[in-house]
Each structure stands twice: as structure tokens, then as C-alpha cells.
């Protein structure tokens, strides 16, 4: 039986999960794992099934609430939402004002996170290597075929939410990372920052659907093909690095619905080429510094995880 102080602590665990998922590379699932609530989270999500819905429709609200561990879920989700809404304006500002530094930070996060995820593979064999290579190939292909602007139709926003929420509950891969690959990272954070209700409802509906449906599929894959699934995830992260390379040159522009000119297709360039093409400072030293900070953050999370395991 949880006391008030336990729920306060649970709320802040949710805040930490939301903060982790706000940046590509760090997973809210990792935070849940190291804070000791991962198994309870998966079990609670798993209880939202047909029998739970029957209880709800029959008006047996207390039984429904107890079955799905409602108090746990609502407090945790409140913390996650509070964190995402609080960070949205900050991240939107940083994307517009300090893009090279921010993308460099994300680049470092994903490099070390992919290594961290790969380390959890218990047994290496040919199938694992093939899965890793497939993950790299798929992610890289997505980054080169998807332009800077992906569809904003309702179905794509819904799909983005469904895929992002599945990543959120996996240790090692974040929902923001998936949004980044789908080209909807800045779009969703703009919606959060400006509270665009229609976009948020669509995205939230996709999140709920993905949580209830795809999370079971992911759980099944991890239960039966853990090493292959982890190798695929790790490869997916490595292949995505092409998408977040900090120095890009715009090849083609488009005019959005507000009449503003936006980049449509970009290509990666080296820092010295960036200076030649754009006439702007590539900020190489700062980029290296922020990559290092991203790597350090994940290492600190790992140290915290080991400390909690030893003292649990």
C-alpha cells in the first residue's frame, strides 16, 4: 500500500521519465528500469484489456481502477506530462537558436546509447549480427528517403504517436528518437509549446493505441527473441545518426502553409564545408563539447543504475 510520500516520489520518477523521453537517445523506459518501476509499469499496461473494459462499461469503476493499477498509472503519467510540457518551450527555443549544439548533444546521446543497448545482448551469433545490420540499413534508408518535412495529415500524426509511445517503454530507445526519424520531433514539440489541441489529441490518441496494441507485440518479441530484438534496436539507433548530423546544407526549400520558406531536403556536410556553403561558423569546438556531454549523461545514468542495484 503506497503512502502519500510514495506517490510524490512516483510523480518525480514520471518527471524523470518525461525528461528522458524529451531528448532523442535517452529512454523513459531506462529511467523506469533503474528506478525500480519498470516491471510494475509493464504489468499495469498489460492489465488494460477486454476484461478491464468490461468492468468499466458495467460501471464497476473501483474494480476497473484496481485492476489496471490506476493510481500508479495516473500519478506516473502526470509526472511525464508535466515534464514534457515544461521542457517543450525550452527545446523549441534551443532548436531554433542553438541547432548545432543541440544536435551535437543528441548525436553523442545516441552514439553511447546504441553501445549501451548492444551491451545488453547476452549471446552473440550470426542472427544477432544480421539483425543489427538490418536495423542500421532500415534506419539509414529512412533518413535518406524522408525529406525534412514529412506529412502532417491526421493519419501520420496518429502513427507517430503510436510508434513513439512504444519506444518510450523500451529501455535504451526514446520516443523522441522515433519522432526524429519520422521528421516530427520539432513539429510535436511546437504543438506542445503552443498547446495546439487538435494535433495533441491526434498524437495522444496514437499514443494510447500504440501503448495498448504494439506494446504487447514488443513484449512478445523481447520475451522470445530478446537478443535479436535488442540488436535490431541498437542497429536502428546507429543508422539514424545520419539524420542528426549537426552540419547540414539545404538542397531544396519549400513554402509552408503560412507562406514561410522552410528546408525540404538537406545533405550532410563536413564542418569545413558547412562554413564554405553557409558562410556560418561550424562551431566545431562547441559541437565536440556537447557530444561529450551527451555521452557523459548516459554514462551517469548507467552509474546511477549500478548504484541503485547495489543498494536495493
C-alpha atoms as a PDB file:
ATOM      1  CA  UNK A   1       0.000   0.000   0.000  1.00  0.00           C
ATOM      2  CA  UNK A   2       1.545   3.287  -1.118  1.00  0.00           C
ATOM      3  CA  UNK A   3       1.579   6.313   1.162  1.00  0.00           C
ATOM      4  CA  UNK A   4       1.440   9.969   0.100  1.00  0.00           C
ATOM      5  CA  UNK A   5       5.231  10.308   0.079  1.00  0.00           C
ATOM      6  CA  UNK A   6       5.440   7.212  -2.145  1.00  0.00           C
ATOM      7  CA  UNK A   7       3.141   8.836  -4.700  1.00  0.00           C
ATOM      8  CA  UNK A   8       5.172  12.052  -4.542  1.00  0.00           C
ATOM      9  CA  UNK A   9       8.301  10.023  -5.304  1.00  0.00           C
ATOM     10  CA  UNK A  10       6.439   8.197  -8.103  1.00  0.00           C
ATOM     11  CA  UNK A  11       5.431  11.553  -9.615  1.00  0.00           C
ATOM     12  CA  UNK A  12       9.073  12.645  -9.736  1.00  0.00           C
ATOM     13  CA  UNK A  13      10.024   9.325 -11.319  1.00  0.00           C
ATOM     14  CA  UNK A  14       7.479  10.223 -14.013  1.00  0.00           C
ATOM     15  CA  UNK A  15       9.068  13.667 -14.337  1.00  0.00           C
ATOM     16  CA  UNK A  16      12.431  11.975 -14.885  1.00  0.00           C
ATOM     17  CA  UNK A  17      10.910   9.644 -17.491  1.00  0.00           C
ATOM     18  CA  UNK A  18       9.341  12.572 -19.351  1.00  0.00           C
ATOM     19  CA  UNK A  19      12.591  14.487 -19.273  1.00  0.00           C
ATOM     20  CA  UNK A  20      14.455  11.477 -20.648  1.00  0.00           C
ATOM     21  CA  UNK A  21      11.984  10.997 -23.471  1.00  0.00           C
ATOM     22  CA  UNK A  22      12.114  14.670 -24.398  1.00  0.00           C
ATOM     23  CA  UNK A  23      15.584  14.148 -25.845  1.00  0.00           C
ATOM     24  CA  UNK A  24      16.462  11.588 -28.533  1.00  0.00           C
ATOM     25  CA  UNK A  25      18.736   8.861 -27.237  1.00  0.00           C
ATOM     26  CA  UNK A  26      17.724   8.569 -23.586  1.00  0.00           C
ATOM     27  CA  UNK A  27      14.748   6.342 -22.866  1.00  0.00           C
ATOM     28  CA  UNK A  28      11.992   6.835 -20.341  1.00  0.00           C
ATOM     29  CA  UNK A  29      11.994   3.048 -20.156  1.00  0.00           C
ATOM     30  CA  UNK A  30      15.597   3.175 -18.946  1.00  0.00           C
ATOM     31  CA  UNK A  31      14.615   5.573 -16.157  1.00  0.00           C
ATOM     32  CA  UNK A  32      11.711   3.290 -15.194  1.00  0.00           C
ATOM     33  CA  UNK A  33      14.115   0.371 -15.112  1.00  0.00           C
ATOM     34  CA  UNK A  34      16.750   1.974 -12.896  1.00  0.00           C
ATOM     35  CA  UNK A  35      14.163   3.452 -10.504  1.00  0.00           C
ATOM     36  CA  UNK A  36      12.533   0.053  -9.955  1.00  0.00           C
ATOM     37  CA  UNK A  37       9.117   0.606 -11.533  1.00  0.00           C
ATOM     38  CA  UNK A  38       9.640  -0.929 -14.988  1.00  0.00           C
ATOM     39  CA  UNK A  39       8.050  -4.303 -14.244  1.00  0.00           C
ATOM     40  CA  UNK A  40       5.073  -2.689 -12.490  1.00  0.00           C
ATOM     41  CA  UNK A  41       4.621  -0.328 -15.448  1.00  0.00           C
ATOM     42  CA  UNK A  42       4.508  -3.179 -17.979  1.00  0.00           C
ATOM     43  CA  UNK A  43       2.206  -5.237 -15.758  1.00  0.00           C
ATOM     44  CA  UNK A  44      -0.178  -2.287 -15.309  1.00  0.00           C
ATOM     45  CA  UNK A  45      -0.307  -1.616 -19.048  1.00  0.00           C
ATOM     46  CA  UNK A  46      -0.932  -5.317 -19.654  1.00  0.00           C
ATOM     47  CA  UNK A  47      -3.977  -5.211 -17.361  1.00  0.00           C
ATOM     48  CA  UNK A  48      -5.737  -2.756 -19.695  1.00  0.00           C
ATOM     49  CA  UNK A  49      -7.527  -5.448 -21.693  1.00  0.00           C
ATOM     50  CA  UNK A  50     -11.004  -6.593 -22.698  1.00  0.00           C
ATOM     51  CA  UNK A  51     -11.907  -7.732 -19.189  1.00  0.00           C
ATOM     52  CA  UNK A  52     -10.889  -4.332 -17.803  1.00  0.00           C
ATOM     53  CA  UNK A  53     -13.054  -2.557 -20.376  1.00  0.00           C
ATOM     54  CA  UNK A  54     -15.992  -4.787 -19.442  1.00  0.00           C
ATOM     55  CA  UNK A  55     -15.641  -3.678 -15.830  1.00  0.00           C
ATOM     56  CA  UNK A  56     -15.586  -0.067 -16.973  1.00  0.00           C
ATOM     57  CA  UNK A  57     -18.682  -0.372 -19.188  1.00  0.00           C
ATOM     58  CA  UNK A  58     -20.565  -2.165 -16.403  1.00  0.00           C
ATOM     59  CA  UNK A  59     -19.951   0.795 -14.129  1.00  0.00           C
ATOM     60  CA  UNK A  60     -17.655  -1.132 -11.780  1.00  0.00           C
ATOM     61  CA  UNK A  61     -15.222   1.764 -11.642  1.00  0.00           C
ATOM     62  CA  UNK A  62     -13.450   0.759  -8.430  1.00  0.00           C
ATOM     63  CA  UNK A  63     -12.794  -2.763  -9.733  1.00  0.00           C
ATOM     64  CA  UNK A  64     -11.597  -1.312 -13.045  1.00  0.00           C
ATOM     65  CA  UNK A  65      -9.289   1.142 -11.264  1.00  0.00           C
ATOM     66  CA  UNK A  66      -7.807  -1.552  -9.038  1.00  0.00           C
ATOM     67  CA  UNK A  67      -7.300  -3.974 -11.937  1.00  0.00           C
ATOM     68  CA  UNK A  68      -5.272  -1.531 -14.036  1.00  0.00           C
ATOM     69  CA  UNK A  69      -3.391  -0.136 -11.011  1.00  0.00           C
ATOM     70  CA  UNK A  70      -4.945   3.216 -11.857  1.00  0.00           C
ATOM     71  CA  UNK A  71      -3.389   5.254  -9.041  1.00  0.00           C
ATOM     72  CA  UNK A  72       0.077   4.160 -10.124  1.00  0.00           C
ATOM     73  CA  UNK A  73      -0.574   4.940 -13.808  1.00  0.00           C
ATOM     74  CA  UNK A  74      -2.247   8.319 -13.292  1.00  0.00           C
ATOM     75  CA  UNK A  75       0.468   9.646 -10.967  1.00  0.00           C
ATOM     76  CA  UNK A  76       3.264   8.399 -13.221  1.00  0.00           C
ATOM     77  CA  UNK A  77       1.639   9.772 -16.389  1.00  0.00           C
ATOM     78  CA  UNK A  78       1.008  13.115 -14.664  1.00  0.00           C
ATOM     79  CA  UNK A  79       4.730  13.380 -13.952  1.00  0.00           C
ATOM     80  CA  UNK A  80       5.604  12.501 -17.542  1.00  0.00           C
ATOM     81  CA  UNK A  81       3.173  15.064 -18.986  1.00  0.00           C
ATOM     82  CA  UNK A  82       4.318  17.765 -16.571  1.00  0.00           C
ATOM     83  CA  UNK A  83       7.903  17.211 -17.659  1.00  0.00           C
ATOM     84  CA  UNK A  84       7.120  17.202 -21.386  1.00  0.00           C
ATOM     85  CA  UNK A  85       5.032  20.375 -21.198  1.00  0.00           C
ATOM     86  CA  UNK A  86       7.675  22.127 -19.093  1.00  0.00           C
ATOM     87  CA  UNK A  87      10.524  21.224 -21.435  1.00  0.00           C
ATOM     88  CA  UNK A  88       8.677  21.840 -24.706  1.00  0.00           C
ATOM     89  CA  UNK A  89       9.338  25.594 -24.894  1.00  0.00           C
ATOM     90  CA  UNK A  90      12.953  25.143 -23.850  1.00  0.00           C
ATOM     91  CA  UNK A  91      13.667  22.543 -26.527  1.00  0.00           C
ATOM     92  CA  UNK A  92      11.825  24.544 -29.208  1.00  0.00           C
ATOM     93  CA  UNK A  93      13.931  27.596 -28.319  1.00  0.00           C
ATOM     94  CA  UNK A  94      17.175  25.590 -28.413  1.00  0.00           C
ATOM     95  CA  UNK A  95      16.317  24.022 -31.788  1.00  0.00           C
ATOM     96  CA  UNK A  96      15.832  27.480 -33.279  1.00  0.00           C
ATOM     97  CA  UNK A  97      18.692  29.271 -31.519  1.00  0.00           C
ATOM     98  CA  UNK A  98      21.450  26.687 -30.972  1.00  0.00           C
ATOM     99  CA  UNK A  99      20.831  23.936 -33.553  1.00  0.00           C
ATOM    100  CA  UNK A 100      24.440  22.749 -33.939  1.00  0.00           C
ATOM    101  CA  UNK A 101      24.997  22.466 -30.204  1.00  0.00           C
ATOM    102  CA  UNK A 102      21.674  20.697 -29.610  1.00  0.00           C
ATOM    103  CA  UNK A 103      22.049  18.222 -32.489  1.00  0.00           C
ATOM    104  CA  UNK A 104      25.623  17.531 -31.365  1.00  0.00           C
ATOM    105  CA  UNK A 105      24.323  16.758 -27.874  1.00  0.00           C
ATOM    106  CA  UNK A 106      21.741  14.371 -29.372  1.00  0.00           C
ATOM    107  CA  UNK A 107      24.452  12.815 -31.572  1.00  0.00           C
ATOM    108  CA  UNK A 108      26.541  11.989 -28.521  1.00  0.00           C
ATOM    109  CA  UNK A 109      23.496  10.627 -26.694  1.00  0.00           C
ATOM    110  CA  UNK A 110      22.637   8.210 -29.462  1.00  0.00           C
ATOM    111  CA  UNK A 111      26.216   7.024 -30.026  1.00  0.00           C
ATOM    112  CA  UNK A 112      26.648   5.975 -26.395  1.00  0.00           C
ATOM    113  CA  UNK A 113      23.053   4.743 -26.061  1.00  0.00           C
ATOM    114  CA  UNK A 114      23.456   2.391 -29.029  1.00  0.00           C
ATOM    115  CA  UNK A 115      26.586   0.948 -27.408  1.00  0.00           C
ATOM    116  CA  UNK A 116      24.800   0.661 -24.059  1.00  0.00           C
ATOM    117  CA  UNK A 117      21.867  -1.180 -25.663  1.00  0.00           C
ATOM    118  CA  UNK A 118      24.185  -3.541 -27.585  1.00  0.00           C
ATOM    119  CA  UNK A 119      25.979  -4.420 -24.347  1.00  0.00           C
ATOM    120  CA  UNK A 120      22.771  -5.968 -23.005  1.00  0.00           C
ATOM    121  CA  UNK A 121      22.876  -8.675 -25.706  1.00  0.00           C
ATOM    122  CA  UNK A 122      23.501 -11.876 -23.779  1.00  0.00           C
ATOM    123  CA  UNK A 123      24.684 -14.079 -26.660  1.00  0.00           C
ATOM    124  CA  UNK A 124      26.229 -13.087 -29.973  1.00  0.00           C
ATOM    125  CA  UNK A 125      25.610 -15.279 -33.015  1.00  0.00           C
ATOM    126  CA  UNK A 126      25.054 -14.826 -36.740  1.00  0.00           C
ATOM    127  CA  UNK A 127      21.377 -13.927 -36.407  1.00  0.00           C
ATOM    128  CA  UNK A 128      22.232 -11.136 -33.957  1.00  0.00           C
ATOM    129  CA  UNK A 129      24.780  -9.607 -36.337  1.00  0.00           C
ATOM    130  CA  UNK A 130      22.307  -9.843 -39.222  1.00  0.00           C
ATOM    131  CA  UNK A 131      19.588  -8.185 -37.117  1.00  0.00           C
ATOM    132  CA  UNK A 132      21.982  -5.353 -36.212  1.00  0.00           C
ATOM    133  CA  UNK A 133      22.925  -4.842 -39.859  1.00  0.00           C
ATOM    134  CA  UNK A 134      19.252  -4.844 -40.875  1.00  0.00           C
ATOM    135  CA  UNK A 135      18.500  -2.242 -38.201  1.00  0.00           C
ATOM    136  CA  UNK A 136      21.292   0.007 -39.468  1.00  0.00           C
ATOM    137  CA  UNK A 137      20.160  -0.377 -43.083  1.00  0.00           C
ATOM    138  CA  UNK A 138      16.490   0.312 -42.340  1.00  0.00           C
ATOM    139  CA  UNK A 139      17.173   3.404 -40.241  1.00  0.00           C
ATOM    140  CA  UNK A 140      19.706   4.798 -42.723  1.00  0.00           C
ATOM    141  CA  UNK A 141      17.318   4.217 -45.614  1.00  0.00           C
ATOM    142  CA  UNK A 142      14.543   6.047 -43.749  1.00  0.00           C
ATOM    143  CA  UNK A 143      16.844   9.015 -43.151  1.00  0.00           C
ATOM    144  CA  UNK A 144      17.772   9.370 -46.824  1.00  0.00           C
ATOM    145  CA  UNK A 145      14.289   8.896 -48.277  1.00  0.00           C
ATOM    146  CA  UNK A 146      12.390  11.093 -45.826  1.00  0.00           C
ATOM    147  CA  UNK A 147      12.696  14.825 -46.500  1.00  0.00           C
ATOM    148  CA  UNK A 148      12.924  17.416 -43.751  1.00  0.00           C
ATOM    149  CA  UNK A 149       9.144  17.805 -43.915  1.00  0.00           C
ATOM    150  CA  UNK A 150       7.023  14.655 -43.573  1.00  0.00           C
ATOM    151  CA  UNK A 151       3.209  14.579 -43.868  1.00  0.00           C
ATOM    152  CA  UNK A 152       1.114  16.495 -41.355  1.00  0.00           C
ATOM    153  CA  UNK A 153      -2.070  14.614 -42.202  1.00  0.00           C
ATOM    154  CA  UNK A 154      -4.013  13.200 -39.225  1.00  0.00           C
ATOM    155  CA  UNK A 155      -3.087   9.583 -40.013  1.00  0.00           C
ATOM    156  CA  UNK A 156       0.648  10.343 -39.880  1.00  0.00           C
ATOM    157  CA  UNK A 157       0.408  12.275 -36.611  1.00  0.00           C
ATOM    158  CA  UNK A 158      -1.600   9.359 -35.157  1.00  0.00           C
ATOM    159  CA  UNK A 159       1.002   6.856 -36.407  1.00  0.00           C
ATOM    160  CA  UNK A 160       3.840   8.977 -34.999  1.00  0.00           C
ATOM    161  CA  UNK A 161       2.221   8.870 -31.573  1.00  0.00           C
ATOM    162  CA  UNK A 162       1.688   5.105 -31.741  1.00  0.00           C
ATOM    163  CA  UNK A 163       5.309   4.413 -32.666  1.00  0.00           C
ATOM    164  CA  UNK A 164       6.794   6.974 -30.277  1.00  0.00           C
ATOM    165  CA  UNK A 165       4.979   5.617 -27.221  1.00  0.00           C
ATOM    166  CA  UNK A 166       6.187   2.086 -27.956  1.00  0.00           C
ATOM    167  CA  UNK A 167       9.771   3.325 -27.961  1.00  0.00           C
ATOM    168  CA  UNK A 168       9.186   5.145 -24.689  1.00  0.00           C
ATOM    169  CA  UNK A 169       8.621   1.935 -22.741  1.00  0.00           C
ATOM    170  CA  UNK A 170      11.718   0.231 -24.157  1.00  0.00           C
ATOM    171  CA  UNK A 171      14.943   0.638 -22.187  1.00  0.00           C
ATOM    172  CA  UNK A 172      17.516   2.186 -24.489  1.00  0.00           C
ATOM    173  CA  UNK A 173      15.409   3.870 -27.156  1.00  0.00           C
ATOM    174  CA  UNK A 174      13.310   7.002 -26.690  1.00  0.00           C
ATOM    175  CA  UNK A 175      10.052   8.235 -28.144  1.00  0.00           C
ATOM    176  CA  UNK A 176      11.754  11.435 -29.253  1.00  0.00           C
ATOM    177  CA  UNK A 177      14.251   9.327 -31.188  1.00  0.00           C
ATOM    178  CA  UNK A 178      11.382   7.822 -33.201  1.00  0.00           C
ATOM    179  CA  UNK A 179       9.853  11.257 -33.787  1.00  0.00           C
ATOM    180  CA  UNK A 180      13.243  12.412 -35.025  1.00  0.00           C
ATOM    181  CA  UNK A 181      13.404   9.587 -37.566  1.00  0.00           C
ATOM    182  CA  UNK A 182       9.840  10.319 -38.671  1.00  0.00           C
ATOM    183  CA  UNK A 183      10.646  14.016 -39.108  1.00  0.00           C
ATOM    184  CA  UNK A 184       8.100  15.042 -36.480  1.00  0.00           C
ATOM    185  CA  UNK A 185      10.287  15.890 -33.480  1.00  0.00           C
ATOM    186  CA  UNK A 186      10.162  19.682 -33.834  1.00  0.00           C
ATOM    187  CA  UNK A 187       6.557  19.585 -35.084  1.00  0.00           C
ATOM    188  CA  UNK A 188       5.262  17.798 -31.973  1.00  0.00           C
ATOM    189  CA  UNK A 189       7.300  19.933 -29.606  1.00  0.00           C
ATOM    190  CA  UNK A 190       5.979  23.062 -31.322  1.00  0.00           C
ATOM    191  CA  UNK A 191       2.477  21.700 -30.728  1.00  0.00           C
ATOM    192  CA  UNK A 192       3.295  21.096 -27.054  1.00  0.00           C
ATOM    193  CA  UNK A 193       4.878  24.520 -26.697  1.00  0.00           C
ATOM    194  CA  UNK A 194       1.911  26.316 -28.292  1.00  0.00           C
ATOM    195  CA  UNK A 195      -0.696  23.854 -26.979  1.00  0.00           C
ATOM    196  CA  UNK A 196      -2.174  23.018 -30.398  1.00  0.00           C
ATOM    197  CA  UNK A 197      -5.041  20.915 -29.108  1.00  0.00           C
ATOM    198  CA  UNK A 198      -6.068  19.214 -32.376  1.00  0.00           C
ATOM    199  CA  UNK A 199      -2.519  17.991 -33.019  1.00  0.00           C
ATOM    200  CA  UNK A 200      -2.068  16.892 -29.410  1.00  0.00           C
ATOM    201  CA  UNK A 201      -5.359  14.957 -29.397  1.00  0.00           C
ATOM    202  CA  UNK A 202      -4.373  13.090 -32.569  1.00  0.00           C
ATOM    203  CA  UNK A 203      -0.910  12.387 -31.245  1.00  0.00           C
ATOM    204  CA  UNK A 204      -2.271  11.358 -27.836  1.00  0.00           C
ATOM    205  CA  UNK A 205      -4.798   9.005 -29.451  1.00  0.00           C
ATOM    206  CA  UNK A 206      -1.963   7.344 -31.332  1.00  0.00           C
ATOM    207  CA  UNK A 207      -0.001   7.042 -28.081  1.00  0.00           C
ATOM    208  CA  UNK A 208      -2.885   5.293 -26.323  1.00  0.00           C
ATOM    209  CA  UNK A 209      -3.448   2.930 -29.248  1.00  0.00           C
ATOM    210  CA  UNK A 210       0.248   2.112 -29.556  1.00  0.00           C
ATOM    211  CA  UNK A 211       0.569   1.538 -25.833  1.00  0.00           C
ATOM    212  CA  UNK A 212      -2.309  -0.945 -25.778  1.00  0.00           C
ATOM    213  CA  UNK A 213      -1.517  -2.771 -29.025  1.00  0.00           C
ATOM    214  CA  UNK A 214       2.122  -2.519 -30.054  1.00  0.00           C
ATOM    215  CA  UNK A 215       3.500  -2.780 -26.523  1.00  0.00           C
ATOM    216  CA  UNK A 216       2.212  -6.367 -26.385  1.00  0.00           C
ATOM    217  CA  UNK A 217       3.907  -7.150 -29.699  1.00  0.00           C
ATOM    218  CA  UNK A 218       7.175  -5.650 -28.454  1.00  0.00           C
ATOM    219  CA  UNK A 219       6.870  -7.599 -25.219  1.00  0.00           C
ATOM    220  CA  UNK A 220       6.332 -10.814 -27.187  1.00  0.00           C
ATOM    221  CA  UNK A 221       9.415 -10.187 -29.335  1.00  0.00           C
ATOM    222  CA  UNK A 222      11.585  -9.375 -26.329  1.00  0.00           C
ATOM    223  CA  UNK A 223      10.375 -12.481 -24.494  1.00  0.00           C
ATOM    224  CA  UNK A 224      11.081 -14.879 -27.366  1.00  0.00           C
ATOM    225  CA  UNK A 225      13.823 -13.219 -29.424  1.00  0.00           C
ATOM    226  CA  UNK A 226      15.490 -10.908 -26.917  1.00  0.00           C
ATOM    227  CA  UNK A 227      18.997 -10.831 -28.394  1.00  0.00           C
ATOM    228  CA  UNK A 228      17.798 -10.326 -31.958  1.00  0.00           C
ATOM    229  CA  UNK A 229      15.300  -7.630 -30.917  1.00  0.00           C
ATOM    230  CA  UNK A 230      17.963  -5.727 -28.960  1.00  0.00           C
ATOM    231  CA  UNK A 231      20.442  -5.983 -31.853  1.00  0.00           C
ATOM    232  CA  UNK A 232      17.778  -4.608 -34.201  1.00  0.00           C
ATOM    233  CA  UNK A 233      17.128  -1.669 -31.852  1.00  0.00           C
ATOM    234  CA  UNK A 234      20.826  -0.944 -31.476  1.00  0.00           C
ATOM    235  CA  UNK A 235      21.339  -1.045 -35.249  1.00  0.00           C
ATOM    236  CA  UNK A 236      18.348   1.221 -35.721  1.00  0.00           C
ATOM    237  CA  UNK A 237      19.967   3.800 -33.454  1.00  0.00           C
ATOM    238  CA  UNK A 238      23.305   3.630 -35.284  1.00  0.00           C
ATOM    239  CA  UNK A 239      21.641   4.001 -38.677  1.00  0.00           C
ATOM    240  CA  UNK A 240      19.741   7.067 -37.511  1.00  0.00           C
ATOM    241  CA  UNK A 241      22.918   9.055 -36.833  1.00  0.00           C
ATOM    242  CA  UNK A 242      22.779  10.195 -40.451  1.00  0.00           C
ATOM    243  CA  UNK A 243      19.583  12.080 -39.608  1.00  0.00           C
ATOM    244  CA  UNK A 244      21.018  14.118 -36.740  1.00  0.00           C
ATOM    245  CA  UNK A 245      24.448  15.001 -38.102  1.00  0.00           C
ATOM    246  CA  UNK A 246      24.844  18.600 -36.857  1.00  0.00           C
ATOM    247  CA  UNK A 247      26.147  20.160 -40.086  1.00  0.00           C
ATOM    248  CA  UNK A 248      23.708  20.198 -42.987  1.00  0.00           C
ATOM    249  CA  UNK A 249      23.388  22.078 -46.244  1.00  0.00           C
ATOM    250  CA  UNK A 250      19.906  22.795 -47.608  1.00  0.00           C
ATOM    251  CA  UNK A 251      19.488  21.407 -51.124  1.00  0.00           C
ATOM    252  CA  UNK A 252      15.839  22.286 -51.671  1.00  0.00           C
ATOM    253  CA  UNK A 253      13.317  24.577 -49.988  1.00  0.00           C
ATOM    254  CA  UNK A 254       9.524  24.647 -49.871  1.00  0.00           C
ATOM    255  CA  UNK A 255       6.901  27.209 -48.814  1.00  0.00           C
ATOM    256  CA  UNK A 256       4.714  26.054 -45.929  1.00  0.00           C
ATOM    257  CA  UNK A 257       1.024  26.857 -45.414  1.00  0.00           C
ATOM    258  CA  UNK A 258       1.950  30.063 -43.580  1.00  0.00           C
ATOM    259  CA  UNK A 259       3.920  31.336 -46.563  1.00  0.00           C
ATOM    260  CA  UNK A 260       7.282  30.831 -44.860  1.00  0.00           C
ATOM    261  CA  UNK A 261      10.237  29.273 -46.688  1.00  0.00           C
ATOM    262  CA  UNK A 262      11.414  26.078 -44.969  1.00  0.00           C
ATOM    263  CA  UNK A 263      14.135  23.489 -45.768  1.00  0.00           C
ATOM    264  CA  UNK A 264      12.770  20.427 -47.607  1.00  0.00           C
ATOM    265  CA  UNK A 265      15.840  18.350 -48.486  1.00  0.00           C
ATOM    266  CA  UNK A 266      19.212  18.615 -46.756  1.00  0.00           C
ATOM    267  CA  UNK A 267      22.538  16.855 -47.137  1.00  0.00           C
ATOM    268  CA  UNK A 268      25.239  16.250 -44.558  1.00  0.00           C
ATOM    269  CA  UNK A 269      28.493  18.176 -44.935  1.00  0.00           C
ATOM    270  CA  UNK A 270      31.767  18.297 -43.023  1.00  0.00           C
ATOM    271  CA  UNK A 271      32.303  21.243 -40.662  1.00  0.00           C
ATOM    272  CA  UNK A 272      34.728  22.996 -43.033  1.00  0.00           C
ATOM    273  CA  UNK A 273      32.279  22.521 -45.930  1.00  0.00           C
ATOM    274  CA  UNK A 274      29.491  23.902 -43.730  1.00  0.00           C
ATOM    275  CA  UNK A 275      31.437  27.133 -43.322  1.00  0.00           C
ATOM    276  CA  UNK A 276      32.011  27.373 -47.081  1.00  0.00           C
ATOM    277  CA  UNK A 277      28.428  26.569 -48.093  1.00  0.00           C
ATOM    278  CA  UNK A 278      26.517  28.547 -45.460  1.00  0.00           C
ATOM    279  CA  UNK A 279      29.024  31.213 -44.515  1.00  0.00           C
ATOM    280  CA  UNK A 280      28.306  30.405 -40.863  1.00  0.00           C
ATOM    281  CA  UNK A 281      30.615  29.306 -38.082  1.00  0.00           C
ATOM    282  CA  UNK A 282      30.522  25.477 -37.744  1.00  0.00           C
ATOM    283  CA  UNK A 283      31.247  25.864 -34.002  1.00  0.00           C
ATOM    284  CA  UNK A 284      33.365  22.708 -34.048  1.00  0.00           C
ATOM    285  CA  UNK A 285      34.721  23.037 -30.510  1.00  0.00           C
ATOM    286  CA  UNK A 286      31.253  23.584 -29.047  1.00  0.00           C
ATOM    287  CA  UNK A 287      29.881  20.684 -31.080  1.00  0.00           C
ATOM    288  CA  UNK A 288      32.551  18.316 -29.723  1.00  0.00           C
ATOM    289  CA  UNK A 289      31.880  19.581 -26.201  1.00  0.00           C
ATOM    290  CA  UNK A 290      28.148  18.948 -26.450  1.00  0.00           C
ATOM    291  CA  UNK A 291      28.690  15.500 -27.981  1.00  0.00           C
ATOM    292  CA  UNK A 292      30.867  14.704 -24.971  1.00  0.00           C
ATOM    293  CA  UNK A 293      28.153  15.997 -22.624  1.00  0.00           C
ATOM    294  CA  UNK A 294      25.624  13.690 -24.292  1.00  0.00           C
ATOM    295  CA  UNK A 295      27.929  10.709 -23.802  1.00  0.00           C
ATOM    296  CA  UNK A 296      28.586  11.724 -20.188  1.00  0.00           C
ATOM    297  CA  UNK A 297      24.861  11.923 -19.414  1.00  0.00           C
ATOM    298  CA  UNK A 298      24.246   8.294 -20.414  1.00  0.00           C
ATOM    299  CA  UNK A 299      27.343   7.152 -18.507  1.00  0.00           C
ATOM    300  CA  UNK A 300      25.993   8.911 -15.401  1.00  0.00           C
ATOM    301  CA  UNK A 301      22.651   7.147 -15.866  1.00  0.00           C
ATOM    302  CA  UNK A 302      24.495   3.814 -16.004  1.00  0.00           C
ATOM    303  CA  UNK A 303      26.433   4.671 -12.836  1.00  0.00           C
ATOM    304  CA  UNK A 304      23.146   5.568 -11.124  1.00  0.00           C
ATOM    305  CA  UNK A 305      21.635   2.272 -12.275  1.00  0.00           C
ATOM    306  CA  UNK A 306      24.512   0.254 -10.824  1.00  0.00           C
ATOM    307  CA  UNK A 307      24.365   2.213  -7.571  1.00  0.00           C
ATOM    308  CA  UNK A 308      20.618   1.591  -7.178  1.00  0.00           C
ATOM    309  CA  UNK A 309      21.028  -2.128  -7.901  1.00  0.00           C
ATOM    310  CA  UNK A 310      23.750  -2.486  -5.250  1.00  0.00           C
ATOM    311  CA  UNK A 311      21.667  -0.651  -2.645  1.00  0.00           C
ATOM    312  CA  UNK A 312      18.279  -2.174  -3.423  1.00  0.00           C
END
